[in-house]
């Protein structure tokens, strides 16, 4: 889908929803955001040895429209990331759009929702696929449709169901395979106390290569608990992921969110089996966190860390990526802030024949405008 077509569809949807402006004028809220940043990356191609550095410029405008009509909430938005580079051989110019349209209906007994999303990103920024051998020109396009339903069975128990479809395609080179995945799941939650809720979730995911090949299937079973104390929210879950052929892997995750008077800390660790463009399911182990501390009403410092380790189920090849960042924000006005940041990235791949590793550093500054809180 081209950028021009996506923008046209988005404008048409917004126009249709605003057509009843006289009746719904008080129901709509809109917000704008925009981010402009520039920085120097010592190895934007993430190659070893490094072929050199480049200046990277980013412009990231976004728009969100939210409407409430009775028990219904409609939310739609468009985000566009424009990237430029002083060396297009190492880091090509990009236009990465994201658009979404969500509908949610709530009532006293539960809720029902449908969402759809289109996104296009550089493959090396696309999470689980970013730890493969990623050319600078490679992009990942995703088209997703999802639905969810929940109902209160009693004062303490809730039953929910969800289903989703995602089609993923790649362009610009690289050892990636187009695929689609479809999943369905059931979740039963029961509140043990005001602070502790236990849950059991079962889901089935099918992975299908677009250009032929047999589909593969996995069934996940997870038992977990949500625990809220005065300053910390915990979510802990553990279980098994079983392949169609009978092989199983242990999966689970733990996440903690601490909120203090001047600081926030988020920590998470997970081990999951997920579909990927590497041609099959991937056993992914990830851990990381974010910490920030308010120096004053106008200044905040922070640190981000993320490590992801992938094991491809077909040949047990291992790849990993680690990102560490430190930054300081300074509020210029209630709508504008400036951030100075330093990023360090490390990539490693371990195979019998082609081990490889690469690293880069990036220092930059960004200006952000956001009126979503007004």
Protein backbone atom coordinates (compact mmCIF):
# COMPACT_ATOMS: atom_id res chain seq x y z
CA UNK A 1 0.00 0.00 0.00
CA UNK A 2 1.50 3.35 -1.06
CA UNK A 3 1.79 6.33 1.24
CA UNK A 4 -0.55 8.35 -0.98
CA UNK A 5 -3.24 5.64 -0.91
CA UNK A 6 -2.99 5.26 2.87
CA UNK A 7 -3.36 8.99 3.38
CA UNK A 8 -6.36 9.04 1.04
CA UNK A 9 -8.11 6.24 2.94
CA UNK A 10 -7.45 7.98 6.25
CA UNK A 11 -8.81 11.32 5.04
CA UNK A 12 -11.92 9.59 3.66
CA UNK A 13 -12.60 7.83 6.98
CA UNK A 14 -12.15 11.04 8.96
CA UNK A 15 -14.37 12.91 6.55
CA UNK A 16 -17.16 10.37 6.87
CA UNK A 17 -17.01 10.46 10.66
CA UNK A 18 -17.04 14.25 10.76
CA UNK A 19 -19.91 14.42 8.26
CA UNK A 20 -22.36 14.38 11.19
CA UNK A 21 -20.50 17.27 12.85
CA UNK A 22 -23.64 19.10 13.96
CA UNK A 23 -24.91 16.10 15.90
CA UNK A 24 -21.56 14.88 17.21
CA UNK A 25 -19.57 18.10 17.61
CA UNK A 26 -19.22 17.77 21.38
CA UNK A 27 -18.19 14.11 21.15
CA UNK A 28 -14.96 14.46 19.17
CA UNK A 29 -11.50 15.18 20.54
CA UNK A 30 -8.36 15.52 18.47
CA UNK A 31 -4.70 15.68 19.34
CA UNK A 32 -1.51 16.47 17.45
CA UNK A 33 2.08 15.52 18.06
CA UNK A 34 5.27 16.17 16.17
CA UNK A 35 8.88 15.19 16.76
CA UNK A 36 11.94 16.55 14.98
CA UNK A 37 15.33 15.03 15.77
CA UNK A 38 18.84 14.91 14.39
CA UNK A 39 21.81 12.84 15.45
CA UNK A 40 25.07 11.26 14.34
CA UNK A 41 25.18 7.44 14.10
CA UNK A 42 28.65 5.89 14.00
CA UNK A 43 27.39 2.71 12.23
CA UNK A 44 23.85 3.12 10.87
CA UNK A 45 24.22 0.03 8.65
CA UNK A 46 25.06 -2.14 11.72
CA UNK A 47 27.82 -3.83 9.69
CA UNK A 48 31.14 -5.32 10.77
CA UNK A 49 33.55 -3.75 10.19
CA UNK A 50 31.78 -0.38 10.24
CA UNK A 51 31.71 1.29 6.79
CA UNK A 52 31.36 4.72 8.41
CA UNK A 53 28.87 7.02 10.09
CA UNK A 54 26.11 9.37 8.95
CA UNK A 55 23.88 12.19 10.20
CA UNK A 56 20.27 11.02 10.56
CA UNK A 57 17.28 13.38 10.56
CA UNK A 58 13.77 12.34 11.64
CA UNK A 59 10.41 14.09 11.32
CA UNK A 60 7.51 12.27 12.99
CA UNK A 61 4.11 14.02 12.88
CA UNK A 62 1.00 12.31 14.28
CA UNK A 63 -2.73 12.97 14.51
CA UNK A 64 -5.38 11.20 16.61
CA UNK A 65 -9.17 11.63 16.56
CA UNK A 66 -11.37 10.14 19.29
CA UNK A 67 -15.17 10.13 19.28
CA UNK A 68 -17.67 9.00 21.92
CA UNK A 69 -21.26 8.27 20.94
CA UNK A 70 -23.30 6.64 23.67
CA UNK A 71 -21.59 3.39 24.64
CA UNK A 72 -19.32 3.50 21.57
CA UNK A 73 -15.79 4.84 21.29
CA UNK A 74 -14.22 5.36 17.86
CA UNK A 75 -10.53 6.17 17.63
CA UNK A 76 -8.46 6.69 14.51
CA UNK A 77 -5.03 8.08 13.83
CA UNK A 78 -2.18 8.51 11.39
CA UNK A 79 1.54 8.73 12.08
CA UNK A 80 4.26 9.34 9.51
CA UNK A 81 7.98 8.88 10.12
CA UNK A 82 10.19 10.65 7.57
CA UNK A 83 13.90 9.81 7.77
CA UNK A 84 16.75 11.46 5.90
CA UNK A 85 20.45 10.62 5.90
CA UNK A 86 23.70 12.29 4.90
CA UNK A 87 24.81 8.92 3.43
CA UNK A 88 21.98 7.14 1.65
CA UNK A 89 24.09 4.05 0.97
CA UNK A 90 24.37 3.40 4.71
CA UNK A 91 20.91 4.60 5.72
CA UNK A 92 18.40 5.31 2.90
CA UNK A 93 15.69 7.94 3.16
CA UNK A 94 12.41 6.43 4.36
CA UNK A 95 8.70 7.21 4.57
CA UNK A 96 7.16 4.92 7.21
CA UNK A 97 3.41 5.44 7.74
CA UNK A 98 1.18 3.98 10.45
CA UNK A 99 -2.61 4.22 10.42
CA UNK A 100 -5.25 2.67 12.66
CA UNK A 101 -9.01 2.60 13.20
CA UNK A 102 -10.53 1.18 16.41
CA UNK A 103 -14.11 0.71 17.59
CA UNK A 104 -15.01 -0.22 21.17
CA UNK A 105 -18.45 -0.70 22.70
CA UNK A 106 -18.86 -0.94 26.48
CA UNK A 107 -21.84 -1.81 28.63
CA UNK A 108 -22.45 -2.79 32.24
CA UNK A 109 -21.66 -6.46 31.58
CA UNK A 110 -18.55 -6.16 29.41
CA UNK A 111 -17.18 -4.85 26.13
CA UNK A 112 -16.62 -5.69 22.47
CA UNK A 113 -14.09 -4.14 20.12
CA UNK A 114 -12.63 -4.35 16.62
CA UNK A 115 -9.36 -2.77 15.50
CA UNK A 116 -7.42 -2.56 12.28
CA UNK A 117 -3.91 -1.25 11.66
CA UNK A 118 -1.40 -0.75 8.88
CA UNK A 119 2.25 0.00 9.64
CA UNK A 120 5.49 0.18 7.71
CA UNK A 121 8.86 0.33 9.48
CA UNK A 122 12.52 -0.32 8.80
CA UNK A 123 13.00 -4.04 9.46
CA UNK A 124 15.92 -3.44 11.81
CA UNK A 125 13.55 -1.40 14.01
CA UNK A 126 10.79 -4.04 13.94
CA UNK A 127 11.45 -5.89 17.19
CA UNK A 128 11.85 -9.63 16.84
CA UNK A 129 13.08 -9.48 13.20
CA UNK A 130 15.68 -6.83 14.04
CA UNK A 131 18.13 -9.44 15.31
CA UNK A 132 18.47 -11.12 11.92
CA UNK A 133 20.86 -10.04 9.15
CA UNK A 134 19.05 -6.84 8.21
CA UNK A 135 20.05 -4.76 5.14
CA UNK A 136 19.73 -0.99 5.50
CA UNK A 137 17.12 -0.93 2.74
CA UNK A 138 14.83 -3.60 4.20
CA UNK A 139 11.32 -2.55 5.29
CA UNK A 140 8.51 -4.49 6.99
CA UNK A 141 4.84 -3.81 6.17
CA UNK A 142 2.09 -5.19 8.42
CA UNK A 143 -1.69 -5.31 7.94
CA UNK A 144 -3.61 -6.42 11.02
CA UNK A 145 -7.23 -7.00 12.03
CA UNK A 146 -8.21 -7.94 15.58
CA UNK A 147 -11.31 -8.37 17.70
CA UNK A 148 -11.88 -8.79 21.41
CA UNK A 149 -14.84 -9.56 23.67
CA UNK A 150 -15.20 -9.71 27.44
CA UNK A 151 -18.06 -10.34 29.84
CA UNK A 152 -18.37 -10.25 33.61
CA UNK A 153 -19.55 -13.66 34.82
CA UNK A 154 -19.88 -12.45 38.40
CA UNK A 155 -18.60 -9.74 40.69
CA UNK A 156 -15.22 -11.48 40.77
CA UNK A 157 -14.91 -13.41 37.48
CA UNK A 158 -14.49 -12.33 33.84
CA UNK A 159 -14.34 -14.31 30.61
CA UNK A 160 -12.72 -12.78 27.54
CA UNK A 161 -11.95 -13.91 23.99
CA UNK A 162 -9.81 -12.46 21.22
CA UNK A 163 -8.88 -13.19 17.65
CA UNK A 164 -6.47 -11.60 15.20
CA UNK A 165 -5.03 -11.82 11.71
CA UNK A 166 -1.76 -10.26 10.54
CA UNK A 167 -0.19 -10.26 7.10
CA UNK A 168 3.48 -9.27 6.93
CA UNK A 169 5.55 -8.53 3.82
CA UNK A 170 9.16 -7.41 3.32
CA UNK A 171 10.91 -5.37 0.67
CA UNK A 172 14.40 -4.06 0.09
CA UNK A 173 16.36 -7.29 0.45
CA UNK A 174 17.30 -9.58 3.29
CA UNK A 175 16.66 -13.20 4.26
CA UNK A 176 13.04 -12.58 5.24
CA UNK A 177 9.92 -14.50 4.20
CA UNK A 178 6.47 -12.98 3.79
CA UNK A 179 3.97 -14.63 6.10
CA UNK A 180 0.59 -14.40 7.75
CA UNK A 181 -0.46 -15.44 11.23
CA UNK A 182 -3.88 -15.95 12.74
CA UNK A 183 -4.64 -16.56 16.37
CA UNK A 184 -7.53 -17.04 18.76
CA UNK A 185 -7.53 -17.09 22.54
CA UNK A 186 -9.64 -17.45 25.68
CA UNK A 187 -8.90 -15.95 29.10
CA UNK A 188 -10.63 -16.53 32.43
CA UNK A 189 -9.87 -14.07 35.25
CA UNK A 190 -10.87 -14.32 38.90
CA UNK A 191 -10.28 -11.66 41.55
CA UNK A 192 -8.92 -13.27 44.73
CA UNK A 193 -8.72 -9.96 46.63
CA UNK A 194 -8.94 -6.26 45.78
CA UNK A 195 -5.22 -6.37 44.91
CA UNK A 196 -4.75 -9.85 43.38
CA UNK A 197 -6.38 -11.27 40.24
CA UNK A 198 -5.49 -14.71 38.89
CA UNK A 199 -6.00 -15.73 35.26
CA UNK A 200 -5.75 -18.68 32.88
CA UNK A 201 -5.19 -18.03 29.17
CA UNK A 202 -5.13 -20.46 26.25
CA UNK A 203 -4.39 -19.45 22.67
CA UNK A 204 -3.80 -21.05 19.28
CA UNK A 205 -1.57 -19.43 16.63
CA UNK A 206 -1.07 -20.60 13.02
CA UNK A 207 1.93 -19.44 10.96
CA UNK A 208 1.64 -19.58 7.14
CA UNK A 209 4.39 -18.72 4.65
CA UNK A 210 2.88 -16.62 1.86
CA UNK A 211 4.92 -18.17 -0.97
CA UNK A 212 4.14 -21.79 -0.24
CA UNK A 213 5.23 -24.22 2.40
CA UNK A 214 3.29 -25.98 5.11
CA UNK A 215 1.68 -24.05 7.90
CA UNK A 216 2.86 -24.56 11.48
CA UNK A 217 0.78 -24.25 14.60
CA UNK A 218 1.38 -23.66 18.31
CA UNK A 219 -0.91 -23.78 21.34
CA UNK A 220 0.03 -21.66 24.38
CA UNK A 221 -1.25 -22.17 27.91
CA UNK A 222 -0.45 -19.59 30.58
CA UNK A 223 -1.37 -19.31 34.25
CA UNK A 224 -0.74 -15.95 35.86
CA UNK A 225 -1.54 -13.30 38.42
CA UNK A 226 -1.95 -9.51 38.45
CA UNK A 227 -0.88 -8.05 41.79
CA UNK A 228 -1.27 -4.40 42.75
CA UNK A 229 0.37 -2.97 45.84
CA UNK A 230 0.75 0.64 46.93
CA UNK A 231 3.48 1.72 44.52
CA UNK A 232 4.08 -1.35 42.32
CA UNK A 233 1.96 -3.23 39.77
CA UNK A 234 3.09 -6.80 39.03
CA UNK A 235 2.08 -9.23 36.29
CA UNK A 236 3.52 -12.74 36.46
CA UNK A 237 2.63 -15.63 34.13
CA UNK A 238 4.11 -19.01 33.24
CA UNK A 239 3.16 -21.96 31.06
CA UNK A 240 3.96 -23.96 27.94
CA UNK A 241 3.93 -23.47 24.17
CA UNK A 242 3.32 -26.73 22.30
CA UNK A 243 3.99 -27.19 18.58
CA UNK A 244 1.72 -29.16 16.28
CA UNK A 245 4.31 -31.94 16.18
CA UNK A 246 4.26 -32.31 19.95
CA UNK A 247 7.46 -30.44 20.95
CA UNK A 248 6.93 -28.00 23.81
CA UNK A 249 8.80 -25.03 25.26
CA UNK A 250 8.47 -23.27 28.59
CA UNK A 251 7.14 -19.71 28.25
CA UNK A 252 6.29 -16.92 30.65
CA UNK A 253 6.91 -13.34 31.66
CA UNK A 254 7.24 -11.03 34.62
CA UNK A 255 6.64 -7.28 34.58
CA UNK A 256 6.83 -4.69 37.36
CA UNK A 257 5.89 -1.00 37.26
CA UNK A 258 6.95 1.22 40.17
CA UNK A 259 5.63 4.77 40.49
CA UNK A 260 7.17 7.08 43.10
CA UNK A 261 6.87 10.75 43.90
CA UNK A 262 9.62 11.78 41.47
CA UNK A 263 10.65 8.56 39.72
CA UNK A 264 9.27 5.67 37.70
CA UNK A 265 10.79 2.26 37.06
CA UNK A 266 9.55 -0.40 34.61
CA UNK A 267 11.19 -3.84 34.51
CA UNK A 268 10.18 -6.79 32.34
CA UNK A 269 11.46 -10.19 31.27
CA UNK A 270 9.78 -12.72 28.98
CA UNK A 271 10.30 -15.96 27.14
CA UNK A 272 7.83 -16.49 24.29
CA UNK A 273 7.47 -18.36 20.97
CA UNK A 274 6.46 -15.90 18.24
CA UNK A 275 6.02 -15.83 14.44
CA UNK A 276 8.69 -13.92 12.52
CA UNK A 277 9.95 -13.07 9.06
CA UNK A 278 12.94 -15.35 9.60
CA UNK A 279 10.77 -18.12 8.14
CA UNK A 280 9.26 -19.81 11.18
CA UNK A 281 8.40 -19.42 14.82
CA UNK A 282 11.17 -17.95 16.96
CA UNK A 283 11.89 -18.70 20.61
CA UNK A 284 12.43 -15.20 21.94
CA UNK A 285 13.89 -14.29 25.33
CA UNK A 286 13.75 -10.58 26.14
CA UNK A 287 14.50 -8.48 29.19
CA UNK A 288 14.80 -4.77 29.76
CA UNK A 289 13.54 -1.75 31.57
CA UNK A 290 13.13 1.99 31.78
CA UNK A 291 13.95 4.36 34.63
CA UNK A 292 13.29 8.10 34.84
CA UNK A 293 13.66 10.68 37.58
CA UNK A 294 12.27 14.23 37.72
CA UNK A 295 15.06 16.65 38.61
CA UNK A 296 12.54 19.50 38.71
CA UNK A 297 9.17 20.47 37.31
CA UNK A 298 10.89 21.04 33.96
CA UNK A 299 13.75 18.51 33.71
CA UNK A 300 13.80 14.71 33.71
CA UNK A 301 16.64 12.23 33.27
CA UNK A 302 16.22 8.64 32.20
CA UNK A 303 17.78 5.36 31.09
CA UNK A 304 16.44 2.65 28.74
CA UNK A 305 17.73 -0.89 28.29
CA UNK A 306 16.53 -3.76 26.11
CA UNK A 307 18.04 -7.12 25.20
CA UNK A 308 16.38 -9.68 22.92
CA UNK A 309 17.70 -13.13 22.10
CA UNK A 310 16.17 -15.21 19.27
CA UNK A 311 16.50 -18.92 18.57
CA UNK A 312 15.02 -19.98 15.23
CA UNK A 313 12.99 -23.18 15.64
CA UNK A 314 14.04 -24.61 12.24
CA UNK A 315 17.85 -24.60 12.63
CA UNK A 316 18.50 -23.34 16.20
CA UNK A 317 20.52 -20.36 14.94
CA UNK A 318 20.91 -17.71 17.64
CA UNK A 319 20.90 -13.94 17.21
CA UNK A 320 20.64 -11.10 19.70
CA UNK A 321 20.36 -7.33 19.86
CA UNK A 322 21.00 -5.00 22.81
CA UNK A 323 20.08 -1.32 23.03
CA UNK A 324 21.09 1.00 25.86
CA UNK A 325 20.15 4.66 26.04
CA UNK A 326 20.48 7.61 28.41
CA UNK A 327 18.66 10.92 27.98
CA UNK A 328 17.64 14.18 29.59
CA UNK A 329 14.39 16.05 28.86
CA UNK A 330 13.82 19.76 29.35
CA UNK A 331 10.34 21.26 29.11
CA UNK A 332 10.35 24.47 27.10
CA UNK A 333 6.60 25.14 27.46
CA UNK A 334 3.57 23.05 28.44
CA UNK A 335 3.52 21.71 24.84
CA UNK A 336 7.18 21.66 23.81
CA UNK A 337 10.17 19.77 25.19
CA UNK A 338 13.73 19.10 24.06
CA UNK A 339 15.63 15.85 24.63
CA UNK A 340 19.37 15.16 24.39
CA UNK A 341 20.15 11.44 24.07
CA UNK A 342 22.91 8.86 23.64
CA UNK A 343 22.22 5.36 22.25
CA UNK A 344 24.49 2.31 22.12
CA UNK A 345 23.47 -0.73 20.04
CA UNK A 346 25.09 -4.16 19.78
CA UNK A 347 24.09 -6.93 17.36
CA UNK A 348 25.37 -10.52 17.39
CA UNK A 349 24.55 -13.63 15.39
CA UNK A 350 25.90 -17.10 16.23
CA UNK A 351 25.78 -19.77 13.56
CA UNK A 352 28.09 -22.62 12.64
CA UNK A 353 29.24 -20.96 9.42
CA UNK A 354 28.66 -17.20 9.66
CA UNK A 355 29.12 -15.71 13.14
CA UNK A 356 28.95 -11.91 13.09
CA UNK A 357 28.71 -8.91 15.39
CA UNK A 358 28.36 -5.15 15.05
CA UNK A 359 27.98 -2.09 17.28
CA UNK A 360 27.08 1.58 16.92
CA UNK A 361 26.70 4.75 18.95
CA UNK A 362 24.32 7.62 18.30
CA UNK A 363 24.17 11.04 19.94
CA UNK A 364 21.44 13.50 19.08
CA UNK A 365 18.81 16.04 20.07
CA UNK A 366 15.05 16.09 19.47
CA UNK A 367 12.21 18.60 19.82
CA UNK A 368 8.71 17.29 20.58
CA UNK A 369 5.31 19.01 20.41
CA UNK A 370 2.33 17.23 22.02
CA UNK A 371 -1.11 18.63 22.85
CA UNK A 372 -2.76 15.31 23.78
CA UNK A 373 -3.14 16.36 27.41
CA UNK A 374 -5.06 19.53 26.53
